[in-house]
Amino acid sequence: MPSMKYVIEPPAQAVISVAGTDALFPVRRIWCIGRNYAEHAREMGHDPNREPPFFFQKPSDAVVANRSTLRFPAKTRDLHHEIELVVAIGKAGRNIAVGQALEHVFGYAVGLDMTRRDLQNEAKKLQRPWEMGKSFDESCPVTAIVPASRTGHLRKGAIWLKVNGETRQSGDLGQQIWQVDEAIAYLSSYVALQPGDLIMTGTPAGVGPCKPGDRLEGHIDGLEELIVSYIE
């Protein structure tokens, strides 16, 4: 087979480190579940009854490593934090049954779905897509992935976020409307999941603004602490 010849330099592969090793997890797609905690759904003005989950995407190169210092994003005056459990898919599948869904999980991490809320709200008002509010550069800080063989499958446990040492978001994974196995099964009925896919599983109540100079600390029981800071 002839060697590949590209007309431009291929883009770098987005990767996330694997905790306790020198191995890297290549990122393919990032799927995000909207309004997966009842109290967050209410604070955003929506009915939290168990409607089918909905998903949006971030580009793979939105991922940034833990303990990064980030430039405050352009075109927003209302940048919001959303702390989330991140599920790393390690086995391909489509139309996955709920009972087999966790077999497709490689591991778990802590992530932030950073959101330009003013742009998202304007898009909602105009009935336009959310990409400029959700899918911008460096909008997805993520910790190292801890393999499920070490953590087990996370169904309960504290999840919280602090800004400059003050707790802003606090909840429990058990409060998710759609648990990890259900989310995987549902999403795989629409698209084939592949190794390298990430699923961000929604955020508890308390989302709010951050500004240049802020230090964000995110926590989920059993996983690495997430720490990022913003500068002008």
Protein backbone atom coordinates (compact mmCIF):
# COMPACT_ATOMS: atom_id res chain seq x y z
CA MET A 1 0.00 0.00 0.00
CA PRO A 2 1.50 3.40 -0.96
CA SER A 3 2.36 5.79 1.84
CA MET A 4 -0.08 8.60 2.57
CA LYS A 5 0.68 11.98 1.06
CA TYR A 6 -1.13 14.96 2.55
CA VAL A 7 -1.48 18.37 0.92
CA ILE A 8 -1.11 20.01 4.35
CA GLU A 9 0.40 18.87 7.63
CA PRO A 10 -2.16 16.61 9.36
CA PRO A 11 -3.63 18.11 12.54
CA ALA A 12 -2.32 16.77 15.82
CA GLN A 13 -4.31 13.99 17.46
CA ALA A 14 -6.09 15.19 20.59
CA VAL A 15 -5.14 12.98 23.54
CA ILE A 16 -5.78 12.59 27.27
CA SER A 17 -3.32 10.95 29.64
CA VAL A 18 -4.21 7.70 31.42
CA ALA A 19 -3.72 7.98 35.18
CA GLY A 20 -0.76 6.10 36.62
CA THR A 21 0.77 5.30 33.23
CA ASP A 22 2.64 6.97 30.38
CA ALA A 23 -0.09 5.86 27.95
CA LEU A 24 -2.39 8.24 26.07
CA PHE A 25 -6.08 7.97 25.17
CA PRO A 26 -6.78 9.32 21.64
CA VAL A 27 -9.92 11.44 21.47
CA ARG A 28 -12.30 10.85 18.57
CA ARG A 29 -15.62 12.58 19.29
CA ILE A 30 -16.98 14.39 22.36
CA TRP A 31 -20.68 13.85 23.05
CA CYS A 32 -22.33 15.96 25.75
CA ILE A 33 -25.67 15.22 27.43
CA GLY A 34 -27.81 18.27 28.12
CA ARG A 35 -29.79 18.76 31.35
CA ASN A 36 -29.06 15.38 32.96
CA TYR A 37 -29.53 16.57 36.58
CA ALA A 38 -33.03 17.65 37.65
CA GLU A 39 -31.98 20.71 39.67
CA HIS A 40 -29.80 22.00 36.83
CA ALA A 41 -32.70 21.53 34.40
CA ARG A 42 -34.87 23.63 36.72
CA GLU A 43 -32.27 26.39 37.08
CA MET A 44 -32.13 26.60 33.28
CA GLY A 45 -35.91 26.92 33.12
CA HIS A 46 -36.82 23.41 31.94
CA ASP A 47 -39.01 20.56 33.18
CA PRO A 48 -36.72 17.88 34.69
CA ASN A 49 -39.11 15.00 34.11
CA ARG A 50 -37.41 12.04 32.49
CA GLU A 51 -37.59 13.17 28.87
CA PRO A 52 -35.30 11.34 26.40
CA PRO A 53 -31.72 12.63 26.65
CA PHE A 54 -30.40 15.00 24.03
CA PHE A 55 -26.81 15.46 22.92
CA PHE A 56 -24.54 18.09 21.44
CA GLN A 57 -20.86 17.89 20.47
CA LYS A 58 -17.58 19.57 21.14
CA PRO A 59 -14.62 19.16 18.77
CA SER A 60 -11.92 16.77 19.92
CA ASP A 61 -9.33 19.55 20.00
CA ALA A 62 -11.41 21.46 22.58
CA VAL A 63 -9.73 19.13 25.13
CA VAL A 64 -7.10 20.72 27.32
CA ALA A 65 -4.97 19.03 29.96
CA ASN A 66 -5.51 19.27 33.67
CA ARG A 67 -3.69 22.06 35.54
CA SER A 68 -3.65 24.31 32.47
CA THR A 69 -3.75 28.09 32.52
CA LEU A 70 -6.29 29.19 29.92
CA ARG A 71 -6.89 32.47 28.15
CA PHE A 72 -10.36 33.84 28.73
CA PRO A 73 -12.32 33.03 25.56
CA ALA A 74 -13.22 35.66 22.99
CA LYS A 75 -16.68 37.09 22.29
CA THR A 76 -18.20 36.46 25.72
CA ARG A 77 -18.94 38.38 28.89
CA ASP A 78 -20.62 35.43 30.58
CA LEU A 79 -18.39 32.34 30.67
CA HIS A 80 -19.97 29.56 32.78
CA HIS A 81 -18.51 26.47 34.44
CA GLU A 82 -20.23 23.06 34.22
CA ILE A 83 -18.51 20.21 36.09
CA GLU A 84 -19.16 16.75 34.63
CA LEU A 85 -18.29 13.06 34.80
CA VAL A 86 -16.54 12.09 31.56
CA VAL A 87 -16.91 8.55 30.20
CA ALA A 88 -14.18 7.27 27.87
CA ILE A 89 -15.35 4.64 25.38
CA GLY A 90 -12.93 1.78 24.72
CA LYS A 91 -15.03 -0.65 22.68
CA ALA A 92 -17.08 -0.01 19.54
CA GLY A 93 -20.79 -0.67 19.31
CA ARG A 94 -24.16 0.38 17.96
CA ASN A 95 -27.61 -0.34 19.36
CA ILE A 96 -25.94 -1.38 22.61
CA ALA A 97 -28.22 -2.93 25.22
CA VAL A 98 -28.29 -1.26 28.63
CA GLY A 99 -27.13 -4.50 30.23
CA GLN A 100 -23.98 -4.59 28.08
CA ALA A 101 -23.28 -0.85 27.94
CA LEU A 102 -20.67 -0.70 30.71
CA GLU A 103 -18.56 -3.28 28.85
CA HIS A 104 -17.82 -0.47 26.37
CA VAL A 105 -16.35 1.88 29.00
CA PHE A 106 -12.57 2.20 29.18
CA GLY A 107 -12.54 4.61 32.09
CA TYR A 108 -13.66 7.84 33.73
CA ALA A 109 -12.40 11.39 34.18
CA VAL A 110 -13.47 14.78 35.51
CA GLY A 111 -14.27 17.39 32.89
CA LEU A 112 -15.57 20.92 32.44
CA ASP A 113 -18.10 21.84 29.78
CA MET A 114 -17.18 25.52 29.61
CA THR A 115 -20.00 27.54 28.09
CA ARG A 116 -20.24 31.02 26.60
CA ARG A 117 -23.70 31.39 28.15
CA ASP A 118 -24.52 34.71 26.54
CA LEU A 119 -23.87 33.25 23.08
CA GLN A 120 -25.79 30.07 23.90
CA ASN A 121 -28.79 32.04 25.18
CA GLU A 122 -28.82 34.25 22.11
CA ALA A 123 -28.71 31.16 19.87
CA LYS A 124 -31.62 29.63 21.80
CA LYS A 125 -33.65 32.81 21.45
CA LEU A 126 -33.07 32.85 17.68
CA GLN A 127 -33.58 29.05 17.40
CA ARG A 128 -30.07 28.61 16.06
CA PRO A 129 -27.41 25.96 16.84
CA TRP A 130 -25.37 26.23 20.05
CA GLU A 131 -21.88 25.65 18.62
CA MET A 132 -20.51 29.12 19.31
CA GLY A 133 -21.69 28.84 22.90
CA LYS A 134 -20.36 25.33 23.52
CA SER A 135 -17.77 24.25 20.96
CA PHE A 136 -15.05 26.87 21.18
CA ASP A 137 -11.29 26.51 21.69
CA GLU A 138 -10.18 25.08 25.06
CA SER A 139 -13.79 24.55 26.16
CA CYS A 140 -13.18 21.05 27.55
CA PRO A 141 -10.57 20.74 30.32
CA VAL A 142 -10.27 17.06 31.33
CA THR A 143 -8.25 15.18 33.95
CA ALA A 144 -6.32 12.00 33.29
CA ILE A 145 -8.61 9.04 32.65
CA VAL A 146 -8.76 6.41 35.39
CA PRO A 147 -9.48 2.95 33.91
CA ALA A 148 -12.76 1.37 35.00
CA SER A 149 -10.75 -1.67 36.10
CA ARG A 150 -9.48 0.54 38.94
CA THR A 151 -12.55 2.62 39.79
CA GLY A 152 -15.37 0.23 39.08
CA HIS A 153 -18.36 1.80 37.34
CA LEU A 154 -19.37 5.10 38.91
CA ARG A 155 -23.05 5.37 39.78
CA LYS A 156 -22.81 7.34 43.03
CA GLY A 157 -20.33 9.72 44.60
CA ALA A 158 -19.85 13.41 45.29
CA ILE A 159 -19.36 15.83 42.40
CA TRP A 160 -18.52 19.46 43.09
CA LEU A 161 -16.84 22.56 41.72
CA LYS A 162 -15.17 25.43 43.56
CA VAL A 163 -14.21 28.84 42.18
CA ASN A 164 -11.43 30.51 44.17
CA GLY A 165 -12.13 28.10 47.03
CA GLU A 166 -15.89 28.81 47.16
CA THR A 167 -18.21 25.89 46.39
CA ARG A 168 -20.46 26.73 43.44
CA GLN A 169 -21.75 23.34 42.31
CA SER A 170 -22.42 20.32 44.51
CA GLY A 171 -24.29 17.09 43.88
CA ASP A 172 -24.03 13.33 43.58
CA LEU A 173 -23.64 11.12 40.51
CA GLY A 174 -26.69 9.21 41.73
CA GLN A 175 -28.77 12.30 40.86
CA GLN A 176 -28.22 11.80 37.13
CA ILE A 177 -31.54 11.40 35.32
CA TRP A 178 -29.88 9.06 32.81
CA GLN A 179 -27.12 6.89 34.26
CA VAL A 180 -24.01 6.03 32.23
CA ASP A 181 -25.28 2.67 30.94
CA GLU A 182 -28.59 4.20 29.83
CA ALA A 183 -26.87 7.14 28.12
CA ILE A 184 -24.52 4.82 26.20
CA ALA A 185 -27.42 2.62 25.09
CA TYR A 186 -29.52 5.58 23.96
CA LEU A 187 -26.70 7.39 22.12
CA SER A 188 -25.61 4.18 20.37
CA SER A 189 -29.08 3.83 18.87
CA TYR A 190 -28.38 7.02 16.88
CA VAL A 191 -24.64 6.72 16.12
CA ALA A 192 -22.04 3.97 16.25
CA LEU A 193 -19.78 4.57 19.23
CA GLN A 194 -16.07 3.98 18.66
CA PRO A 195 -12.99 3.69 20.84
CA GLY A 196 -11.81 7.22 21.58
CA ASP A 197 -15.28 8.69 22.00
CA LEU A 198 -16.00 10.67 25.16
CA ILE A 199 -19.41 11.17 26.74
CA MET A 200 -19.85 14.11 29.11
CA THR A 201 -22.75 13.19 31.34
CA GLY A 202 -24.24 16.51 32.41
CA THR A 203 -23.79 18.88 35.32
CA PRO A 204 -25.43 19.41 38.73
CA ALA A 205 -27.07 22.66 39.78
CA GLY A 206 -25.07 25.79 40.55
CA VAL A 207 -23.62 26.68 37.16
CA GLY A 208 -22.41 30.24 37.06
CA PRO A 209 -19.89 32.75 35.75
CA CYS A 210 -16.14 32.85 36.04
CA LYS A 211 -13.72 35.58 35.06
CA PRO A 212 -10.03 36.18 34.37
CA GLY A 213 -8.00 35.44 37.50
CA ASP A 214 -10.36 32.70 38.70
CA ARG A 215 -9.11 29.28 39.77
CA LEU A 216 -11.53 26.39 39.21
CA GLU A 217 -11.28 23.14 41.19
CA GLY A 218 -13.45 20.17 40.22
CA HIS A 219 -13.94 16.91 42.10
CA ILE A 220 -15.61 13.53 41.63
CA ASP A 221 -15.07 10.82 44.22
CA GLY A 222 -12.43 8.31 43.09
CA LEU A 223 -10.97 10.45 40.31
CA GLU A 224 -8.19 13.00 39.92
CA GLU A 225 -8.90 16.58 41.00
CA LEU A 226 -9.38 19.00 38.10
CA ILE A 227 -7.68 22.40 38.43
CA VAL A 228 -7.57 25.15 35.79
CA SER A 229 -7.08 28.91 35.93
CA TYR A 230 -8.11 31.74 33.61
CA ILE A 231 -6.07 34.76 32.56
CA GLU A 232 -6.97 37.73 30.38
